[in-house]
Structures are given as structure tokens and as C-alpha cells.
Amino acid sequence: MDHRQLQFLVALARERHFGRAARRCHVTQPTLSARIKQLESELGLSLIERDRRFGRFTVEGERVLYHAQRVLKEFQALRDGGSGERRHQQRFRIGTVPAASADVVQWPGLRVHTLSFSLKEYSMPALLQALADNEVDLAVGYLDAALVMSEEFGTLPLFNERLMLFASPQYFNLPPALAWQDLETFPHGILSGDMRQRRSVDSLFKRHELTIDVRFEADSAVMLGTMVAHGHGVAVLPQAFQQQLAPLGLKALGLPDTDIESSRIGMIWRRDEPPSISPARLLGQEKPVAARSLYEEEGMPAP
């Protein structure tokens, strides 16, 4: 048993709907349902009367819910009591999706000598989970992800992600400019199915009715780029990886200008616990007025 299971149970009690409870907890509905069933199994109790939708809590469920609310209240009090001390003692923790890490390391505010920080990469669902669990102080990810569209989060757009074709000119004859049908002439490598970029690429191929010969799969862009560098195929990846993959001798070709696949990437933070260092400062906007305006616009005090 862990506190997330209890959070899921309390959220279900508030929303009376599995889908809405999952969105409140920033997880998928199957994840929330599975974790509640796991809690039932661990306790040896049936907590919910289910039909096709949420029915109601059982008598045992109401009792467990009461204790869950008390435990979470104590947990929040412990976290709130130590948050000020943690901010002085710990590094500023930034979580990011892989496609944004190259942008994050260039933020002028990170070069301030007095700023100690840590940087960790996550998939988008895991990133929101880390933010909700207070494992990171600031997240950098996809703003159009449905789970981000919540009043619990503040956001600041940074840039639009652009997809490009990466290939090795040593193994493939590349045209000076790509047409959509050119993508069908190459063997391809793809990212694993749980990654956001994979879904974007799949959507791109489907929209243009392309039949792609997929030869290999990898769970990271660097691994995929290494396979491409050795001539196993080509890959469609975010432009953000261009600098990172350049030492491998890969060439990046822009997709046809008539239809560029892009997604917004930006900063994400919890409104109930805003980051101790303002987004304005991290981006090198040192003027206090700019920082105050940004935070006031999001309805929270500037640090």
C-alpha cells in the first residue's frame, strides 16, 4: 500500500467517476482502476460496488475512505511543514521530457553560480506524476497533453516541437527536399509505443496514408539515432535532437512545409506549490517586474 492508492480512492470519492478521478490524479483511467483493485487485494476487502461505471462505496470502502482521508491529511501536513526547509537545503529539481532537455540546459538562469539544480528525464505521464508527488519543482513537457489542462497546473509556453527525418548519407541517397512519399522509400526505426514522439509519428504517417517499412524499435532517441547512424534505417524525430545526434554523422531533413507536425512544449508547475525560482529568472529575465507580472498573471505570489 502507498499514498498514491489512497489518493486515487479519495479522488474517486470526490468525482464519483473513474475518468474524472483519473484526470484529477494525472493518470490514465486503467492505471487508476488497477491501483484501486490492487488496494482491495492487499486489504482483502471489496471497496467499491461496480457496474459499467462507478457505483458506490461498500461499507468497508467507506471505512477505508475515512482512514485514507486522515492519512493523506497528515501526509500533506508533514510535507508542508518541511517544504520551506527543503527549498533551502535541496537542489532545484527540474523534470523534463527528452525532447526538451537540450533547451533546458541552455536557460541562462541555470548558469547562476548560486543556483544548484538537478535535471532528470521522464516520459510525459511519469513527469506529471513526479510533479504531483513533489519529486520535481518544475516540469518541462507537452502543454497540449490532456492531463496538463487542469486548474491545478500553471504553464508557460516555450517553443513548438518540429519533427524531422534523420538519416545517414553514408548509407542512403537523400533528396535535397523531402516529399511525403519519399518517406515510404526508406526502412524506418521508431521509438517504443509508450513515448509521446512515437504517437506523433504514428499520427503523421496515418494522416498522410503512408505505408512505412519499420525495421527496428528503441526506447530512447539516442539509441534510435545510433541505429540510424549504422545504416539500419532512418527515423522521424523531434528537431531538438539535431545537435545531440550531429556527432553521429546524421543529416536532418525538414518535412514538407505544407504540413509540419508540431506540439507545444513549456514549463509546468503546481499552483498550490509554485517553484521557488521563477520561470522568468530561469529564462534570464532578471527584471523583477517581469517575474512579478508572470506570477501575478498565473494568480500566485512571486517568490
Protein backbone atom coordinates (compact mmCIF):
# COMPACT_ATOMS: atom_id res chain seq x y z
CA MET A 1 0.00 0.00 0.00
CA ASP A 2 1.21 3.53 -0.77
CA HIS A 3 -0.16 7.04 -0.57
CA ARG A 4 -0.99 7.18 -4.30
CA GLN A 5 -3.51 4.37 -3.90
CA LEU A 6 -5.15 6.37 -1.14
CA GLN A 7 -5.12 9.50 -3.30
CA PHE A 8 -6.86 7.59 -6.09
CA LEU A 9 -9.52 6.38 -3.66
CA VAL A 10 -10.17 9.88 -2.30
CA ALA A 11 -10.30 11.34 -5.83
CA LEU A 12 -12.88 8.72 -6.80
CA ALA A 13 -14.96 9.66 -3.79
CA ARG A 14 -14.86 13.33 -4.86
CA GLU A 15 -15.58 12.80 -8.55
CA ARG A 16 -17.84 9.71 -8.40
CA HIS A 17 -16.47 8.85 -11.83
CA PHE A 18 -13.39 6.84 -12.78
CA GLY A 19 -12.44 9.02 -15.76
CA ARG A 20 -12.70 12.33 -13.90
CA ALA A 21 -10.85 10.88 -10.90
CA ALA A 22 -8.04 9.72 -13.20
CA ARG A 23 -7.73 13.18 -14.74
CA ARG A 24 -7.60 14.76 -11.29
CA CYS A 25 -4.74 12.41 -10.37
CA HIS A 26 -2.96 12.91 -13.72
CA VAL A 27 -3.03 9.23 -14.65
CA THR A 28 -4.94 7.13 -17.16
CA GLN A 29 -8.23 5.53 -16.17
CA PRO A 30 -6.85 1.95 -16.45
CA THR A 31 -3.99 2.91 -14.12
CA LEU A 32 -6.35 4.33 -11.50
CA SER A 33 -8.68 1.33 -11.70
CA ALA A 34 -5.79 -1.14 -11.47
CA ARG A 35 -4.26 0.58 -8.43
CA ILE A 36 -7.60 0.62 -6.59
CA LYS A 37 -8.09 -3.08 -7.35
CA GLN A 38 -4.57 -3.66 -6.04
CA LEU A 39 -5.52 -1.86 -2.82
CA GLU A 40 -8.61 -4.05 -2.49
CA SER A 41 -6.45 -7.13 -2.95
CA GLU A 42 -3.91 -6.00 -0.35
CA LEU A 43 -6.65 -5.25 2.20
CA GLY A 44 -8.69 -8.33 1.33
CA LEU A 45 -11.78 -6.14 1.04
CA SER A 46 -14.21 -5.07 -1.65
CA LEU A 47 -14.26 -1.27 -1.53
CA ILE A 48 -16.47 -0.38 -4.48
CA GLU A 49 -19.72 -1.74 -5.90
CA ARG A 50 -19.01 -1.68 -9.63
CA ASP A 51 -21.16 -1.90 -12.72
CA ARG A 52 -20.17 -0.43 -16.07
CA ARG A 53 -19.49 2.81 -14.26
CA PHE A 54 -18.69 3.76 -10.68
CA GLY A 55 -21.49 2.56 -8.43
CA ARG A 56 -20.87 3.37 -4.79
CA PHE A 57 -18.54 2.53 -1.92
CA THR A 58 -19.23 -0.55 0.14
CA VAL A 59 -19.48 -0.30 3.92
CA GLU A 60 -15.85 -1.43 4.12
CA GLY A 61 -14.99 1.08 1.39
CA GLU A 62 -16.49 3.96 3.35
CA ARG A 63 -14.44 2.94 6.39
CA VAL A 64 -11.21 2.70 4.37
CA LEU A 65 -12.03 6.03 2.71
CA TYR A 66 -12.32 7.72 6.11
CA HIS A 67 -8.90 6.47 7.16
CA ALA A 68 -7.41 7.33 3.74
CA GLN A 69 -8.55 10.94 4.10
CA ARG A 70 -6.97 11.18 7.55
CA VAL A 71 -3.69 9.62 6.38
CA LEU A 72 -3.45 11.96 3.39
CA LYS A 73 -4.20 14.97 5.56
CA GLU A 74 -1.33 14.03 7.88
CA PHE A 75 0.91 13.35 4.90
CA GLN A 76 0.18 16.81 3.46
CA ALA A 77 0.87 18.43 6.83
CA LEU A 78 4.25 16.70 7.03
CA ARG A 79 5.14 17.78 3.50
CA ASP A 80 4.00 21.37 4.05
CA GLY A 81 5.94 21.57 7.30
CA GLY A 82 9.17 20.56 5.64
CA SER A 83 8.77 22.34 2.31
CA GLY A 84 10.44 25.57 3.41
CA GLU A 85 13.45 23.74 4.83
CA ARG A 86 13.73 21.54 1.73
CA ARG A 87 13.82 24.58 -0.52
CA HIS A 88 16.88 25.87 1.28
CA GLN A 89 18.66 22.54 1.51
CA GLN A 90 17.90 20.72 -1.74
CA ARG A 91 18.82 21.38 -5.32
CA PHE A 92 16.22 22.94 -7.56
CA ARG A 93 14.75 19.87 -9.26
CA ILE A 94 13.74 20.04 -12.91
CA GLY A 95 11.96 17.22 -14.70
CA THR A 96 11.78 17.24 -18.49
CA VAL A 97 10.70 15.16 -21.44
CA PRO A 98 13.70 14.10 -23.59
CA ALA A 99 12.74 16.42 -26.44
CA ALA A 100 13.10 19.47 -24.18
CA SER A 101 16.33 18.66 -22.33
CA ALA A 102 18.55 20.39 -24.91
CA ASP A 103 16.54 23.59 -24.45
CA VAL A 104 16.56 23.40 -20.65
CA VAL A 105 20.35 23.21 -20.34
CA GLN A 106 20.62 26.49 -22.27
CA TRP A 107 18.50 28.51 -19.84
CA PRO A 108 20.58 31.49 -18.68
CA GLY A 109 19.25 31.20 -15.13
CA LEU A 110 20.87 27.80 -14.67
CA ARG A 111 24.32 29.35 -15.10
CA VAL A 112 23.91 31.48 -12.00
CA HIS A 113 26.66 30.32 -9.62
CA THR A 114 24.37 30.38 -6.58
CA LEU A 115 21.85 28.01 -8.21
CA SER A 116 22.30 24.30 -7.54
CA PHE A 117 19.97 22.15 -9.63
CA SER A 118 19.26 18.60 -10.79
CA LEU A 119 17.84 17.54 -14.14
CA LYS A 120 16.02 14.28 -14.83
CA GLU A 121 14.22 12.98 -17.93
CA TYR A 122 10.73 11.41 -17.79
CA SER A 123 8.04 10.24 -20.14
CA MET A 124 5.12 12.70 -20.14
CA PRO A 125 2.81 10.67 -17.86
CA ALA A 126 5.67 9.98 -15.44
CA LEU A 127 6.62 13.67 -15.48
CA LEU A 128 3.16 14.77 -14.36
CA GLN A 129 3.20 12.04 -11.74
CA ALA A 130 6.56 13.31 -10.44
CA LEU A 131 5.20 16.86 -10.30
CA ALA A 132 2.08 15.73 -8.44
CA ASP A 133 4.22 13.73 -5.99
CA ASN A 134 6.57 16.70 -5.38
CA GLU A 135 9.54 14.81 -6.82
CA VAL A 136 10.33 17.79 -9.07
CA ASP A 137 9.92 21.54 -8.51
CA LEU A 138 9.34 22.37 -12.17
CA ALA A 139 8.40 20.26 -15.19
CA VAL A 140 9.07 20.92 -18.86
CA GLY A 141 6.80 18.96 -21.18
CA TYR A 142 3.97 18.94 -23.69
CA LEU A 143 1.32 21.54 -22.93
CA ASP A 144 -1.28 20.00 -25.23
CA ALA A 145 -1.30 16.76 -23.24
CA ALA A 146 -4.84 16.35 -21.96
CA LEU A 147 -3.67 15.78 -18.39
CA VAL A 148 -1.96 19.19 -18.28
CA MET A 149 -5.19 21.01 -19.00
CA SER A 150 -6.07 21.32 -15.33
CA GLU A 151 -6.65 24.22 -12.98
CA GLU A 152 -4.09 22.58 -10.68
CA PHE A 153 -1.22 23.48 -13.02
CA GLY A 154 0.30 26.74 -14.19
CA THR A 155 2.02 26.73 -17.58
CA LEU A 156 4.32 28.88 -19.70
CA PRO A 157 4.83 28.01 -23.42
CA LEU A 158 8.45 27.84 -24.59
CA PHE A 159 8.56 26.53 -28.17
CA ASN A 160 6.85 24.32 -30.73
CA GLU A 161 8.35 20.92 -31.37
CA ARG A 162 9.09 20.15 -35.02
CA LEU A 163 9.62 16.68 -36.45
CA MET A 164 12.42 15.97 -38.95
CA LEU A 165 13.79 12.96 -40.81
CA PHE A 166 17.21 11.79 -39.53
CA ALA A 167 19.34 9.62 -41.82
CA SER A 168 22.95 8.75 -42.59
CA PRO A 169 24.09 10.00 -46.04
CA GLN A 170 26.70 7.26 -45.89
CA TYR A 171 24.02 4.59 -46.34
CA PHE A 172 21.13 6.35 -48.09
CA ASN A 173 20.74 8.69 -51.06
CA LEU A 174 18.80 11.59 -49.61
CA PRO A 175 16.85 14.09 -51.72
CA PRO A 176 17.59 17.81 -51.29
CA ALA A 177 13.99 18.30 -50.19
CA LEU A 178 11.57 15.68 -48.92
CA ALA A 179 8.15 14.86 -50.30
CA TRP A 180 5.78 12.81 -48.16
CA GLN A 181 6.03 9.81 -50.48
CA ASP A 182 9.83 9.81 -50.04
CA LEU A 183 9.32 8.50 -46.51
CA GLU A 184 7.95 5.25 -47.94
CA THR A 185 11.21 4.53 -49.79
CA PHE A 186 13.32 4.06 -46.62
CA PRO A 187 13.37 1.43 -43.89
CA HIS A 188 12.47 3.10 -40.60
CA GLY A 189 13.28 2.90 -36.93
CA ILE A 190 10.71 4.05 -34.36
CA LEU A 191 10.54 4.83 -30.68
CA SER A 192 8.70 2.47 -28.36
CA GLY A 193 4.93 2.79 -28.17
CA ASP A 194 4.72 4.43 -24.73
CA MET A 195 6.67 7.51 -25.84
CA ARG A 196 4.96 10.73 -26.89
CA GLN A 197 7.06 11.17 -30.05
CA ARG A 198 6.01 7.70 -31.23
CA ARG A 199 2.35 8.70 -31.10
CA SER A 200 3.09 11.90 -33.03
CA VAL A 201 4.96 9.97 -35.73
CA ASP A 202 2.24 7.31 -35.98
CA SER A 203 -0.33 10.08 -36.37
CA LEU A 204 1.79 11.72 -39.07
CA PHE A 205 2.10 8.51 -41.10
CA LYS A 206 -1.61 7.76 -40.75
CA ARG A 207 -2.70 11.25 -41.76
CA HIS A 208 -0.71 11.06 -44.99
CA GLU A 209 -1.69 7.43 -45.62
CA LEU A 210 1.95 6.34 -45.70
CA THR A 211 2.97 2.68 -45.67
CA ILE A 212 6.18 2.56 -43.65
CA ASP A 213 8.62 -0.35 -43.51
CA VAL A 214 9.52 -0.48 -39.79
CA ARG A 215 12.71 -2.48 -39.20
CA PHE A 216 13.61 -1.71 -35.58
CA GLU A 217 12.45 -0.05 -32.36
CA ALA A 218 14.27 1.66 -29.47
CA ASP A 219 13.25 3.20 -26.14
CA SER A 220 15.41 6.33 -26.44
CA ALA A 221 16.20 8.84 -29.17
CA VAL A 222 19.96 8.38 -28.67
CA MET A 223 19.66 4.61 -29.10
CA LEU A 224 17.49 5.12 -32.16
CA GLY A 225 19.98 7.63 -33.59
CA THR A 226 22.83 5.15 -33.06
CA MET A 227 20.94 2.50 -35.04
CA VAL A 228 20.30 5.05 -37.80
CA ALA A 229 23.98 6.02 -37.85
CA HIS A 230 24.88 2.39 -38.54
CA GLY A 231 22.61 2.26 -41.57
CA HIS A 232 19.75 0.19 -40.18
CA GLY A 233 17.24 2.75 -41.42
CA VAL A 234 16.02 6.31 -40.98
CA ALA A 235 13.92 7.84 -38.21
CA VAL A 236 11.49 10.71 -37.74
CA LEU A 237 12.41 12.52 -34.52
CA PRO A 238 11.99 15.99 -32.95
CA GLN A 239 14.34 18.69 -34.26
CA ALA A 240 15.51 19.16 -30.66
CA PHE A 241 17.70 16.08 -31.06
CA GLN A 242 19.57 17.52 -34.07
CA GLN A 243 22.50 18.88 -32.08
CA GLN A 244 22.69 15.80 -29.88
CA LEU A 245 22.76 13.40 -32.86
CA ALA A 246 25.05 15.50 -35.09
CA PRO A 247 28.27 13.80 -33.83
CA LEU A 248 26.88 10.53 -35.24
CA GLY A 249 27.12 11.98 -38.76
CA LEU A 250 23.36 12.13 -39.27
CA LYS A 251 21.66 14.56 -41.60
CA ALA A 252 18.33 16.10 -40.59
CA LEU A 253 15.83 16.88 -43.33
CA GLY A 254 12.79 19.04 -42.77
CA LEU A 255 9.42 17.51 -43.54
CA PRO A 256 7.32 19.16 -46.28
CA ASP A 257 6.42 22.70 -45.28
CA THR A 258 2.79 22.18 -46.21
CA ASP A 259 2.12 20.18 -43.06
CA ILE A 260 4.61 20.29 -40.20
CA GLU A 261 3.81 18.18 -37.15
CA SER A 262 4.41 20.24 -34.04
CA SER A 263 3.47 20.28 -30.36
CA ARG A 264 3.81 22.99 -27.75
CA ILE A 265 6.44 22.46 -25.09
CA GLY A 266 6.59 24.60 -21.99
CA MET A 267 7.08 24.90 -18.25
CA ILE A 268 4.55 23.30 -15.92
CA TRP A 269 4.22 23.82 -12.16
CA ARG A 270 1.77 23.13 -9.38
CA ARG A 271 -0.33 26.17 -8.49
CA ASP A 272 -0.57 25.11 -4.86
CA GLU A 273 3.24 24.95 -4.56
CA PRO A 274 4.84 27.24 -7.18
CA PRO A 275 8.57 26.87 -7.86
CA SER A 276 10.91 28.77 -5.56
CA ILE A 277 12.75 30.13 -8.62
CA SER A 278 10.52 31.96 -11.06
CA PRO A 279 10.32 30.92 -14.73
CA ALA A 280 11.34 34.47 -15.62
CA ARG A 281 14.62 34.12 -13.69
CA LEU A 282 15.36 30.72 -15.23
CA LEU A 283 14.90 32.20 -18.71
CA GLY A 284 17.28 35.05 -17.90
CA GLN A 285 14.63 37.73 -17.49
CA GLU A 286 16.20 39.32 -14.47
CA LYS A 287 13.93 42.34 -14.14
CA PRO A 288 11.79 41.90 -11.00
CA VAL A 289 8.78 43.44 -12.76
CA ALA A 290 8.83 40.72 -15.41
CA ALA A 291 8.90 38.00 -12.77
CA ARG A 292 6.10 39.61 -10.78
CA SER A 293 3.95 40.05 -13.87
CA LEU A 294 4.37 36.42 -14.85
CA TYR A 295 3.37 35.12 -11.45
CA GLU A 296 0.53 37.59 -10.99
CA GLU A 297 -0.83 36.54 -14.37
CA GLU A 298 -0.97 32.96 -13.07
CA GLY A 299 -2.70 34.13 -9.90
CA MET A 300 0.08 33.34 -7.44
CA PRO A 301 2.68 35.34 -5.48
CA ALA A 302 6.13 35.88 -6.95
CA PRO A 303 8.88 34.19 -4.91
